[in-house]
Amino acid sequence: MGKLSIISVLFVNILAMSGVFADAHKVTKLHFYVQDLLSGPNKTVWDVARTEITSTSPTLFGQVRVIDDLITTKPDANSKKLGRVQGQITFADLEEVAPLMNLNVVFKSGIYSGSTICMLGRNPISEQYREYAIVGGSGIFRMAQGYAITSIYSNDTATGHFVLEYKLYVVYEIFGKSSKLFNR
């Protein structure tokens, strides 16, 4: 091996050990509440499609809904607002009420403002706790992965106001010094 090659290999090894090329991971636990309004003048959940069997299906098979729910720090809808949960709910199970969830957590305030987390999963309504996969994100949460646990904190069937509690366990990349090209 030539003298220049040995020097190059040593230089790359020194840079790698110093962390210039290394990417670090960070794990964050997020806890918040989602204000889900199924009825009333300010409802945040809307039906957008149905099949010909949806109205007679015990599982609402074929119904598609879109949501744009408020995220708050506490169960009270008047507590600090963090952002929105936006996405699509598809009832795709003929045997159980267990819609498929395709959700984006969109942070609009706080240290994560401008960032998103993408979640997917099955939502078996009969179970107390539901789990979704975290499959990506943007901003601070680029390359996010992990899982979310959600449950109904409270519900008022008379007004159609549900409060959902979310706990997210997110692993995401903290890019090293060499990754400035990838930053905004």
N, C-alpha and C. Protein backbone atom coordinates (compact mmCIF):
# COMPACT_ATOMS: atom_id res chain seq x y z
N MET A 1 0.87 -1.17 0.00
CA MET A 1 0.00 0.00 0.00
C MET A 1 0.90 1.22 0.00
N GLY A 2 0.60 2.19 -0.83
CA GLY A 2 1.41 3.39 -0.93
C GLY A 2 1.27 4.27 0.28
N LYS A 3 2.25 5.17 0.40
CA LYS A 3 2.29 6.09 1.54
C LYS A 3 1.03 6.97 1.58
N LEU A 4 0.57 7.45 0.43
CA LEU A 4 -0.62 8.30 0.36
C LEU A 4 -1.87 7.52 0.79
N SER A 5 -1.96 6.25 0.39
CA SER A 5 -3.11 5.43 0.76
C SER A 5 -3.16 5.20 2.25
N ILE A 6 -2.03 4.93 2.88
CA ILE A 6 -1.98 4.71 4.32
C ILE A 6 -2.41 5.97 5.06
N ILE A 7 -1.92 7.12 4.61
CA ILE A 7 -2.30 8.40 5.23
C ILE A 7 -3.80 8.63 5.06
N SER A 8 -4.36 8.31 3.89
CA SER A 8 -5.80 8.49 3.65
C SER A 8 -6.62 7.62 4.58
N VAL A 9 -6.22 6.34 4.72
CA VAL A 9 -6.94 5.42 5.60
C VAL A 9 -6.88 5.91 7.04
N LEU A 10 -5.71 6.33 7.50
CA LEU A 10 -5.58 6.86 8.86
C LEU A 10 -6.45 8.09 9.07
N PHE A 11 -6.48 8.99 8.10
CA PHE A 11 -7.28 10.22 8.19
C PHE A 11 -8.77 9.88 8.30
N VAL A 12 -9.25 8.96 7.46
CA VAL A 12 -10.67 8.56 7.50
C VAL A 12 -11.00 7.90 8.85
N ASN A 13 -10.10 7.07 9.36
CA ASN A 13 -10.33 6.43 10.67
C ASN A 13 -10.38 7.46 11.79
N ILE A 14 -9.53 8.45 11.76
CA ILE A 14 -9.54 9.51 12.78
C ILE A 14 -10.85 10.28 12.71
N LEU A 15 -11.29 10.62 11.50
CA LEU A 15 -12.56 11.34 11.34
C LEU A 15 -13.73 10.49 11.85
N ALA A 16 -13.73 9.21 11.52
CA ALA A 16 -14.82 8.33 11.95
C ALA A 16 -14.87 8.22 13.46
N MET A 17 -13.70 8.09 14.11
CA MET A 17 -13.66 7.98 15.57
C MET A 17 -14.06 9.28 16.24
N SER A 18 -13.84 10.40 15.58
CA SER A 18 -14.19 11.69 16.19
C SER A 18 -15.68 12.00 16.08
N GLY A 19 -16.40 11.17 15.33
CA GLY A 19 -17.85 11.37 15.23
C GLY A 19 -18.27 12.26 14.08
N VAL A 20 -17.36 12.67 13.24
CA VAL A 20 -17.72 13.54 12.12
C VAL A 20 -18.69 12.83 11.19
N PHE A 21 -18.47 11.53 10.94
CA PHE A 21 -19.34 10.79 10.04
C PHE A 21 -20.43 10.03 10.79
N ALA A 22 -20.33 9.97 12.08
CA ALA A 22 -21.28 9.17 12.86
C ALA A 22 -22.58 9.93 13.07
N ASP A 23 -23.66 9.22 12.92
CA ASP A 23 -24.97 9.78 13.24
C ASP A 23 -25.40 9.22 14.59
N ALA A 24 -25.96 10.06 15.41
CA ALA A 24 -26.41 9.64 16.73
C ALA A 24 -27.94 9.54 16.72
N HIS A 25 -28.45 8.74 17.61
CA HIS A 25 -29.88 8.60 17.76
C HIS A 25 -30.31 9.22 19.08
N LYS A 26 -31.49 9.76 19.07
CA LYS A 26 -32.07 10.29 20.30
C LYS A 26 -33.41 9.62 20.49
N VAL A 27 -33.73 9.31 21.74
CA VAL A 27 -35.02 8.72 22.08
C VAL A 27 -35.79 9.75 22.89
N THR A 28 -37.01 10.02 22.48
CA THR A 28 -37.84 11.00 23.16
C THR A 28 -39.20 10.38 23.46
N LYS A 29 -39.70 10.63 24.65
CA LYS A 29 -41.07 10.24 25.01
C LYS A 29 -41.93 11.49 24.97
N LEU A 30 -43.00 11.43 24.21
CA LEU A 30 -43.94 12.55 24.12
C LEU A 30 -45.28 12.11 24.71
N HIS A 31 -45.92 13.01 25.43
CA HIS A 31 -47.20 12.72 26.07
C HIS A 31 -48.11 13.91 25.82
N PHE A 32 -49.25 13.67 25.19
CA PHE A 32 -50.19 14.76 24.92
C PHE A 32 -51.60 14.21 24.78
N TYR A 33 -52.55 15.12 24.60
CA TYR A 33 -53.96 14.76 24.49
C TYR A 33 -54.50 15.30 23.17
N VAL A 34 -55.44 14.56 22.59
CA VAL A 34 -56.04 14.93 21.32
C VAL A 34 -57.53 15.16 21.55
N GLN A 35 -58.00 16.31 21.08
CA GLN A 35 -59.41 16.70 21.23
C GLN A 35 -60.15 16.29 19.95
N ASP A 36 -60.92 15.21 20.03
CA ASP A 36 -61.60 14.62 18.88
C ASP A 36 -63.07 15.02 18.94
N LEU A 37 -63.53 15.84 17.99
CA LEU A 37 -64.91 16.33 17.99
C LEU A 37 -65.67 15.66 16.86
N LEU A 38 -66.55 14.71 17.21
CA LEU A 38 -67.27 13.93 16.21
C LEU A 38 -68.56 14.58 15.73
N SER A 39 -69.04 15.59 16.46
CA SER A 39 -70.28 16.25 16.06
C SER A 39 -70.25 17.71 16.50
N GLY A 40 -71.28 18.43 16.11
CA GLY A 40 -71.37 19.83 16.47
C GLY A 40 -70.84 20.74 15.37
N PRO A 41 -70.97 22.05 15.58
CA PRO A 41 -70.58 23.01 14.53
C PRO A 41 -69.07 23.08 14.27
N ASN A 42 -68.27 22.67 15.23
CA ASN A 42 -66.81 22.74 15.06
C ASN A 42 -66.18 21.35 14.98
N LYS A 43 -66.93 20.37 14.47
CA LYS A 43 -66.42 19.01 14.46
C LYS A 43 -65.12 18.91 13.66
N THR A 44 -64.28 17.96 14.06
CA THR A 44 -62.96 17.81 13.45
C THR A 44 -62.79 16.47 12.73
N VAL A 45 -63.87 15.70 12.68
CA VAL A 45 -63.86 14.40 12.00
C VAL A 45 -64.98 14.41 10.97
N TRP A 46 -64.64 14.13 9.71
CA TRP A 46 -65.62 14.19 8.62
C TRP A 46 -65.58 12.93 7.78
N ASP A 47 -66.77 12.43 7.44
CA ASP A 47 -66.88 11.31 6.50
C ASP A 47 -66.63 11.83 5.09
N VAL A 48 -65.83 11.09 4.32
CA VAL A 48 -65.56 11.51 2.94
C VAL A 48 -65.92 10.44 1.92
N ALA A 49 -66.09 9.18 2.36
CA ALA A 49 -66.46 8.12 1.42
C ALA A 49 -67.12 6.97 2.15
N ARG A 50 -67.98 6.24 1.41
CA ARG A 50 -68.66 5.07 1.95
C ARG A 50 -68.86 4.08 0.80
N THR A 51 -69.00 2.80 1.16
CA THR A 51 -69.35 1.80 0.16
C THR A 51 -70.86 1.59 0.21
N GLU A 52 -71.35 0.77 -0.68
CA GLU A 52 -72.79 0.49 -0.67
C GLU A 52 -73.21 -0.34 0.53
N ILE A 53 -72.25 -0.99 1.22
CA ILE A 53 -72.62 -1.80 2.40
C ILE A 53 -72.32 -1.10 3.73
N THR A 54 -71.73 0.08 3.71
CA THR A 54 -71.33 0.74 4.95
C THR A 54 -72.51 0.93 5.91
N SER A 55 -73.64 1.37 5.40
CA SER A 55 -74.77 1.68 6.30
C SER A 55 -75.36 0.43 6.95
N THR A 56 -75.13 -0.76 6.40
CA THR A 56 -75.64 -1.99 7.00
C THR A 56 -74.54 -2.81 7.66
N SER A 57 -73.30 -2.38 7.55
CA SER A 57 -72.18 -3.13 8.11
C SER A 57 -72.02 -2.84 9.61
N PRO A 58 -71.95 -3.87 10.45
CA PRO A 58 -71.74 -3.63 11.88
C PRO A 58 -70.35 -3.07 12.19
N THR A 59 -69.44 -3.14 11.23
CA THR A 59 -68.09 -2.63 11.44
C THR A 59 -67.82 -1.35 10.65
N LEU A 60 -68.85 -0.78 10.04
CA LEU A 60 -68.74 0.43 9.20
C LEU A 60 -67.80 0.22 8.01
N PHE A 61 -67.70 -1.03 7.55
CA PHE A 61 -66.79 -1.37 6.46
C PHE A 61 -66.96 -0.42 5.27
N GLY A 62 -65.84 0.09 4.80
CA GLY A 62 -65.83 0.96 3.63
C GLY A 62 -65.93 2.45 3.93
N GLN A 63 -66.14 2.81 5.18
CA GLN A 63 -66.22 4.23 5.52
C GLN A 63 -64.82 4.81 5.62
N VAL A 64 -64.65 6.00 5.05
CA VAL A 64 -63.37 6.72 5.11
C VAL A 64 -63.65 8.08 5.74
N ARG A 65 -62.84 8.43 6.72
CA ARG A 65 -62.97 9.71 7.40
C ARG A 65 -61.64 10.45 7.36
N VAL A 66 -61.73 11.76 7.42
CA VAL A 66 -60.52 12.59 7.60
C VAL A 66 -60.65 13.33 8.92
N ILE A 67 -59.50 13.59 9.55
CA ILE A 67 -59.53 14.28 10.84
C ILE A 67 -58.52 15.41 10.85
N ASP A 68 -58.81 16.39 11.68
CA ASP A 68 -57.91 17.51 11.95
C ASP A 68 -58.15 17.92 13.40
N ASP A 69 -57.61 17.13 14.33
CA ASP A 69 -57.86 17.30 15.77
C ASP A 69 -56.80 18.14 16.45
N LEU A 70 -57.21 18.89 17.43
CA LEU A 70 -56.31 19.71 18.24
C LEU A 70 -55.51 18.84 19.20
N ILE A 71 -54.21 19.15 19.36
CA ILE A 71 -53.34 18.51 20.35
C ILE A 71 -53.13 19.50 21.49
N THR A 72 -53.32 19.02 22.73
CA THR A 72 -53.12 19.86 23.91
C THR A 72 -52.20 19.16 24.91
N THR A 73 -51.65 19.95 25.83
CA THR A 73 -50.73 19.39 26.83
C THR A 73 -51.46 18.65 27.94
N LYS A 74 -52.71 19.02 28.18
CA LYS A 74 -53.51 18.41 29.24
C LYS A 74 -54.86 17.99 28.65
N PRO A 75 -55.65 17.20 29.37
CA PRO A 75 -56.95 16.76 28.84
C PRO A 75 -57.92 17.90 28.54
N ASP A 76 -57.79 19.01 29.25
CA ASP A 76 -58.67 20.17 29.05
C ASP A 76 -58.39 20.80 27.69
N ALA A 77 -59.45 20.97 26.89
CA ALA A 77 -59.31 21.55 25.55
C ALA A 77 -58.75 22.97 25.59
N ASN A 78 -58.85 23.64 26.74
CA ASN A 78 -58.33 25.00 26.85
C ASN A 78 -56.88 25.06 27.34
N SER A 79 -56.25 23.89 27.53
CA SER A 79 -54.85 23.89 27.94
C SER A 79 -53.97 24.27 26.74
N LYS A 80 -52.67 24.36 26.98
CA LYS A 80 -51.74 24.81 25.94
C LYS A 80 -51.88 23.97 24.68
N LYS A 81 -51.97 24.65 23.55
CA LYS A 81 -52.12 23.99 22.25
C LYS A 81 -50.74 23.70 21.66
N LEU A 82 -50.54 22.44 21.24
CA LEU A 82 -49.25 22.03 20.69
C LEU A 82 -49.27 21.90 19.18
N GLY A 83 -50.44 21.60 18.61
CA GLY A 83 -50.52 21.39 17.17
C GLY A 83 -51.78 20.64 16.81
N ARG A 84 -51.68 19.80 15.76
CA ARG A 84 -52.84 19.07 15.25
C ARG A 84 -52.47 17.63 14.93
N VAL A 85 -53.43 16.75 15.03
CA VAL A 85 -53.31 15.40 14.47
C VAL A 85 -54.20 15.42 13.23
N GLN A 86 -53.59 15.16 12.09
CA GLN A 86 -54.31 15.20 10.83
C GLN A 86 -54.13 13.87 10.12
N GLY A 87 -55.18 13.40 9.47
CA GLY A 87 -55.02 12.15 8.75
C GLY A 87 -56.30 11.54 8.27
N GLN A 88 -56.19 10.25 8.01
CA GLN A 88 -57.27 9.49 7.40
C GLN A 88 -57.54 8.24 8.23
N ILE A 89 -58.83 7.92 8.37
CA ILE A 89 -59.27 6.73 9.08
C ILE A 89 -60.09 5.91 8.09
N THR A 90 -59.72 4.65 7.90
CA THR A 90 -60.41 3.79 6.95
C THR A 90 -60.92 2.54 7.66
N PHE A 91 -62.21 2.30 7.60
CA PHE A 91 -62.81 1.10 8.19
C PHE A 91 -62.69 -0.03 7.17
N ALA A 92 -61.75 -0.95 7.42
CA ALA A 92 -61.41 -1.97 6.42
C ALA A 92 -61.44 -3.38 7.00
N ASP A 93 -62.24 -3.59 8.03
CA ASP A 93 -62.34 -4.91 8.65
C ASP A 93 -63.80 -5.33 8.63
N LEU A 94 -64.09 -6.46 8.04
CA LEU A 94 -65.47 -6.95 7.96
C LEU A 94 -65.96 -7.60 9.26
N GLU A 95 -65.04 -7.94 10.16
CA GLU A 95 -65.41 -8.69 11.36
C GLU A 95 -65.31 -7.91 12.67
N GLU A 96 -64.54 -6.82 12.69
CA GLU A 96 -64.32 -6.07 13.93
C GLU A 96 -64.24 -4.58 13.60
N VAL A 97 -64.73 -3.75 14.53
CA VAL A 97 -64.57 -2.31 14.36
C VAL A 97 -63.12 -1.99 14.73
N ALA A 98 -62.28 -1.90 13.72
CA ALA A 98 -60.85 -1.69 13.92
C ALA A 98 -60.30 -0.91 12.73
N PRO A 99 -60.60 0.38 12.67
CA PRO A 99 -60.16 1.15 11.50
C PRO A 99 -58.64 1.24 11.38
N LEU A 100 -58.22 1.43 10.16
CA LEU A 100 -56.80 1.67 9.89
C LEU A 100 -56.56 3.16 10.02
N MET A 101 -55.50 3.52 10.74
CA MET A 101 -55.19 4.92 11.00
C MET A 101 -53.94 5.32 10.22
N ASN A 102 -54.01 6.44 9.56
CA ASN A 102 -52.88 7.04 8.86
C ASN A 102 -52.83 8.48 9.35
N LEU A 103 -51.95 8.75 10.32
CA LEU A 103 -51.99 10.02 11.05
C LEU A 103 -50.66 10.76 10.99
N ASN A 104 -50.75 12.07 10.93
CA ASN A 104 -49.58 12.95 11.05
C ASN A 104 -49.76 13.83 12.28
N VAL A 105 -48.80 13.80 13.17
CA VAL A 105 -48.77 14.72 14.31
C VAL A 105 -48.01 15.95 13.82
N VAL A 106 -48.70 17.08 13.77
CA VAL A 106 -48.13 18.31 13.23
C VAL A 106 -47.94 19.30 14.38
N PHE A 107 -46.68 19.51 14.76
CA PHE A 107 -46.38 20.41 15.87
C PHE A 107 -46.37 21.85 15.38
N LYS A 108 -47.11 22.71 16.08
CA LYS A 108 -47.22 24.12 15.68
C LYS A 108 -46.71 25.08 16.74
N SER A 109 -46.29 24.56 17.90
CA SER A 109 -45.71 25.41 18.94
C SER A 109 -44.73 24.58 19.75
N GLY A 110 -43.97 25.25 20.59
CA GLY A 110 -43.01 24.56 21.43
C GLY A 110 -41.73 24.22 20.70
N ILE A 111 -40.91 23.39 21.31
CA ILE A 111 -39.59 23.10 20.75
C ILE A 111 -39.65 22.27 19.48
N TYR A 112 -40.78 21.59 19.23
CA TYR A 112 -40.91 20.77 18.02
C TYR A 112 -41.69 21.48 16.90
N SER A 113 -41.98 22.77 17.07
CA SER A 113 -42.75 23.51 16.10
C SER A 113 -42.16 23.37 14.70
N GLY A 114 -43.01 23.06 13.73
CA GLY A 114 -42.57 22.88 12.36
C GLY A 114 -42.19 21.45 12.02
N SER A 115 -42.20 20.57 13.01
CA SER A 115 -41.85 19.17 12.79
C SER A 115 -43.11 18.32 12.76
N THR A 116 -43.00 17.13 12.16
CA THR A 116 -44.11 16.19 12.12
C THR A 116 -43.63 14.79 12.49
N ILE A 117 -44.59 13.96 12.91
CA ILE A 117 -44.37 12.54 13.14
C ILE A 117 -45.48 11.81 12.41
N CYS A 118 -45.12 10.78 11.64
CA CYS A 118 -46.09 10.00 10.87
C CYS A 118 -46.34 8.67 11.57
N MET A 119 -47.63 8.33 11.76
CA MET A 119 -48.01 7.09 12.44
C MET A 119 -48.99 6.30 11.59
N LEU A 120 -48.88 5.01 11.66
CA LEU A 120 -49.80 4.10 10.98
C LEU A 120 -50.20 2.99 11.94
N GLY A 121 -51.40 2.46 11.78
CA GLY A 121 -51.75 1.31 12.60
C GLY A 121 -53.21 0.98 12.57
N ARG A 122 -53.52 -0.09 13.24
CA ARG A 122 -54.88 -0.61 13.37
C ARG A 122 -55.41 -0.15 14.71
N ASN A 123 -56.67 0.26 14.74
CA ASN A 123 -57.28 0.83 15.93
C ASN A 123 -58.47 -0.02 16.39
N PRO A 124 -58.22 -1.15 17.05
CA PRO A 124 -59.34 -1.99 17.51
C PRO A 124 -60.10 -1.29 18.64
N ILE A 125 -61.26 -0.78 18.32
CA ILE A 125 -62.05 0.04 19.23
C ILE A 125 -62.35 -0.66 20.55
N SER A 126 -62.49 -1.98 20.54
CA SER A 126 -62.85 -2.73 21.75
C SER A 126 -61.71 -2.83 22.75
N GLU A 127 -60.49 -2.56 22.32
CA GLU A 127 -59.34 -2.66 23.23
C GLU A 127 -59.09 -1.33 23.94
N GLN A 128 -58.66 -1.42 25.19
CA GLN A 128 -58.40 -0.21 25.97
C GLN A 128 -57.22 0.58 25.42
N TYR A 129 -56.15 -0.13 25.05
CA TYR A 129 -54.96 0.53 24.53
C TYR A 129 -54.74 0.09 23.09
N ARG A 130 -54.34 1.04 22.24
CA ARG A 130 -54.05 0.74 20.85
C ARG A 130 -52.61 1.16 20.59
N GLU A 131 -51.97 0.47 19.66
CA GLU A 131 -50.58 0.77 19.35
C GLU A 131 -50.43 1.06 17.86
N TYR A 132 -49.72 2.13 17.56
CA TYR A 132 -49.42 2.50 16.17
C TYR A 132 -47.91 2.50 15.98
N ALA A 133 -47.50 2.24 14.76
CA ALA A 133 -46.08 2.32 14.42
C ALA A 133 -45.76 3.75 14.00
N ILE A 134 -44.64 4.26 14.48
CA ILE A 134 -44.12 5.54 13.99
C ILE A 134 -43.20 5.20 12.83
N VAL A 135 -43.53 5.73 11.67
CA VAL A 135 -42.85 5.31 10.44
C VAL A 135 -42.07 6.43 9.75
N GLY A 136 -42.00 7.59 10.37
CA GLY A 136 -41.24 8.68 9.77
C GLY A 136 -41.58 10.00 10.41
N GLY A 137 -41.00 11.04 9.84
CA GLY A 137 -41.25 12.38 10.35
C GLY A 137 -40.50 13.40 9.54
N SER A 138 -40.61 14.64 9.96
CA SER A 138 -39.91 15.73 9.29
C SER A 138 -39.39 16.71 10.34
N GLY A 139 -38.57 17.64 9.90
CA GLY A 139 -37.99 18.61 10.83
C GLY A 139 -37.08 17.90 11.81
N ILE A 140 -37.27 18.15 13.09
CA ILE A 140 -36.47 17.51 14.13
C ILE A 140 -36.60 15.99 14.05
N PHE A 141 -37.76 15.51 13.62
CA PHE A 141 -38.04 14.07 13.63
C PHE A 141 -37.75 13.37 12.30
N ARG A 142 -36.80 13.87 11.53
CA ARG A 142 -36.41 13.18 10.30
C ARG A 142 -35.97 11.76 10.64
N MET A 143 -36.37 10.83 9.83
CA MET A 143 -36.03 9.41 9.98
C MET A 143 -36.56 8.83 11.29
N ALA A 144 -37.67 9.35 11.79
CA ALA A 144 -38.23 8.87 13.06
C ALA A 144 -38.76 7.45 12.91
N GLN A 145 -38.67 6.73 14.00
CA GLN A 145 -39.29 5.42 14.12
C GLN A 145 -39.65 5.23 15.59
N GLY A 146 -40.51 4.26 15.85
CA GLY A 146 -40.91 4.01 17.22
C GLY A 146 -42.34 3.52 17.27
N TYR A 147 -43.01 3.83 18.37
CA TYR A 147 -44.39 3.42 18.51
C TYR A 147 -45.16 4.42 19.36
N ALA A 148 -46.47 4.36 19.22
CA ALA A 148 -47.38 5.21 20.00
C ALA A 148 -48.41 4.33 20.67
N ILE A 149 -48.72 4.65 21.90
CA ILE A 149 -49.80 3.98 22.64
C ILE A 149 -50.89 5.03 22.86
N THR A 150 -52.10 4.68 22.54
CA THR A 150 -53.20 5.63 22.72
C THR A 150 -54.37 4.94 23.41
N SER A 151 -55.15 5.75 24.09
CA SER A 151 -56.36 5.26 24.75
C SER A 151 -57.35 6.41 24.86
N ILE A 152 -58.59 6.06 25.13
CA ILE A 152 -59.62 7.09 25.34
C ILE A 152 -59.49 7.57 26.78
N TYR A 153 -59.21 8.85 26.94
CA TYR A 153 -59.10 9.43 28.28
C TYR A 153 -60.50 9.72 28.83
N SER A 154 -61.33 10.32 27.97
CA SER A 154 -62.72 10.60 28.36
C SER A 154 -63.56 10.73 27.10
N ASN A 155 -64.87 10.53 27.26
CA ASN A 155 -65.77 10.74 26.13
C ASN A 155 -67.12 11.25 26.62
N ASP A 156 -67.65 12.15 25.85
CA ASP A 156 -68.97 12.70 26.12
C ASP A 156 -69.81 12.40 24.88
N THR A 157 -70.59 11.32 24.95
CA THR A 157 -71.35 10.92 23.78
C THR A 157 -72.45 11.92 23.43
N ALA A 158 -72.90 12.69 24.38
CA ALA A 158 -73.95 13.69 24.11
C ALA A 158 -73.42 14.80 23.20
N THR A 159 -72.16 15.20 23.40
CA THR A 159 -71.59 16.27 22.58
C THR A 159 -70.67 15.74 21.48
N GLY A 160 -70.32 14.45 21.55
CA GLY A 160 -69.41 13.88 20.55
C GLY A 160 -67.96 14.29 20.76
N HIS A 161 -67.62 14.70 22.00
CA HIS A 161 -66.25 15.14 22.30
C HIS A 161 -65.50 14.00 23.00
N PHE A 162 -64.48 13.50 22.32
CA PHE A 162 -63.61 12.47 22.88
C PHE A 162 -62.26 13.10 23.15
N VAL A 163 -61.65 12.74 24.27
CA VAL A 163 -60.28 13.15 24.57
C VAL A 163 -59.44 11.87 24.54
N LEU A 164 -58.44 11.86 23.68
CA LEU A 164 -57.57 10.71 23.51
C LEU A 164 -56.22 11.03 24.11
N GLU A 165 -55.67 10.08 24.84
CA GLU A 165 -54.34 10.26 25.42
C GLU A 165 -53.34 9.52 24.55
N TYR A 166 -52.24 10.20 24.22
CA TYR A 166 -51.19 9.62 23.38
C TYR A 166 -49.86 9.63 24.13
N LYS A 167 -49.14 8.51 24.05
CA LYS A 167 -47.77 8.43 24.54
C LYS A 167 -46.93 7.89 23.38
N LEU A 168 -46.00 8.70 22.92
CA LEU A 168 -45.15 8.33 21.79
C LEU A 168 -43.73 8.08 22.27
N TYR A 169 -43.13 7.04 21.76
CA TYR A 169 -41.74 6.71 22.04
C TYR A 169 -41.03 6.78 20.69
N VAL A 170 -40.25 7.84 20.50
CA VAL A 170 -39.71 8.17 19.18
C VAL A 170 -38.19 8.09 19.20
N VAL A 171 -37.65 7.39 18.21
CA VAL A 171 -36.20 7.35 17.98
C VAL A 171 -35.97 8.10 16.67
N TYR A 172 -35.05 9.05 16.69
CA TYR A 172 -34.77 9.81 15.47
C TYR A 172 -33.29 10.16 15.42
N GLU A 173 -32.86 10.58 14.25
CA GLU A 173 -31.45 10.85 14.00
C GLU A 173 -31.06 12.25 14.47
N ILE A 174 -29.89 12.34 15.06
CA ILE A 174 -29.26 13.63 15.30
C ILE A 174 -28.02 13.61 14.41
N PHE A 175 -28.05 14.38 13.37
CA PHE A 175 -26.99 14.30 12.37
C PHE A 175 -25.71 14.94 12.86
N GLY A 176 -24.59 14.33 12.49
CA GLY A 176 -23.27 14.83 12.88
C GLY A 176 -22.87 16.06 12.10
N LYS A 177 -21.69 16.55 12.37
CA LYS A 177 -21.19 17.77 11.75
C LYS A 177 -21.14 17.67 10.24
N SER A 178 -20.89 16.48 9.70
CA SER A 178 -20.78 16.32 8.25
C SER A 178 -22.13 16.39 7.55
N SER A 179 -23.21 16.42 8.30
CA SER A 179 -24.54 16.36 7.71
C SER A 179 -25.16 17.74 7.49
N LYS A 180 -24.40 18.79 7.56
CA LYS A 180 -24.95 20.12 7.37
C LYS A 180 -25.64 20.26 6.02
N LEU A 181 -25.21 19.47 5.04
CA LEU A 181 -25.84 19.51 3.74
C LEU A 181 -27.31 19.12 3.81
N PHE A 182 -27.67 18.31 4.81
CA PHE A 182 -29.03 17.80 4.91
C PHE A 182 -29.93 18.71 5.74
N ASN A 183 -29.36 19.65 6.44
CA ASN A 183 -30.16 20.55 7.28
C ASN A 183 -30.76 21.66 6.42
N ARG A 184 -31.82 22.25 6.95
CA ARG A 184 -32.52 23.33 6.21
C ARG A 184 -31.64 24.52 6.04
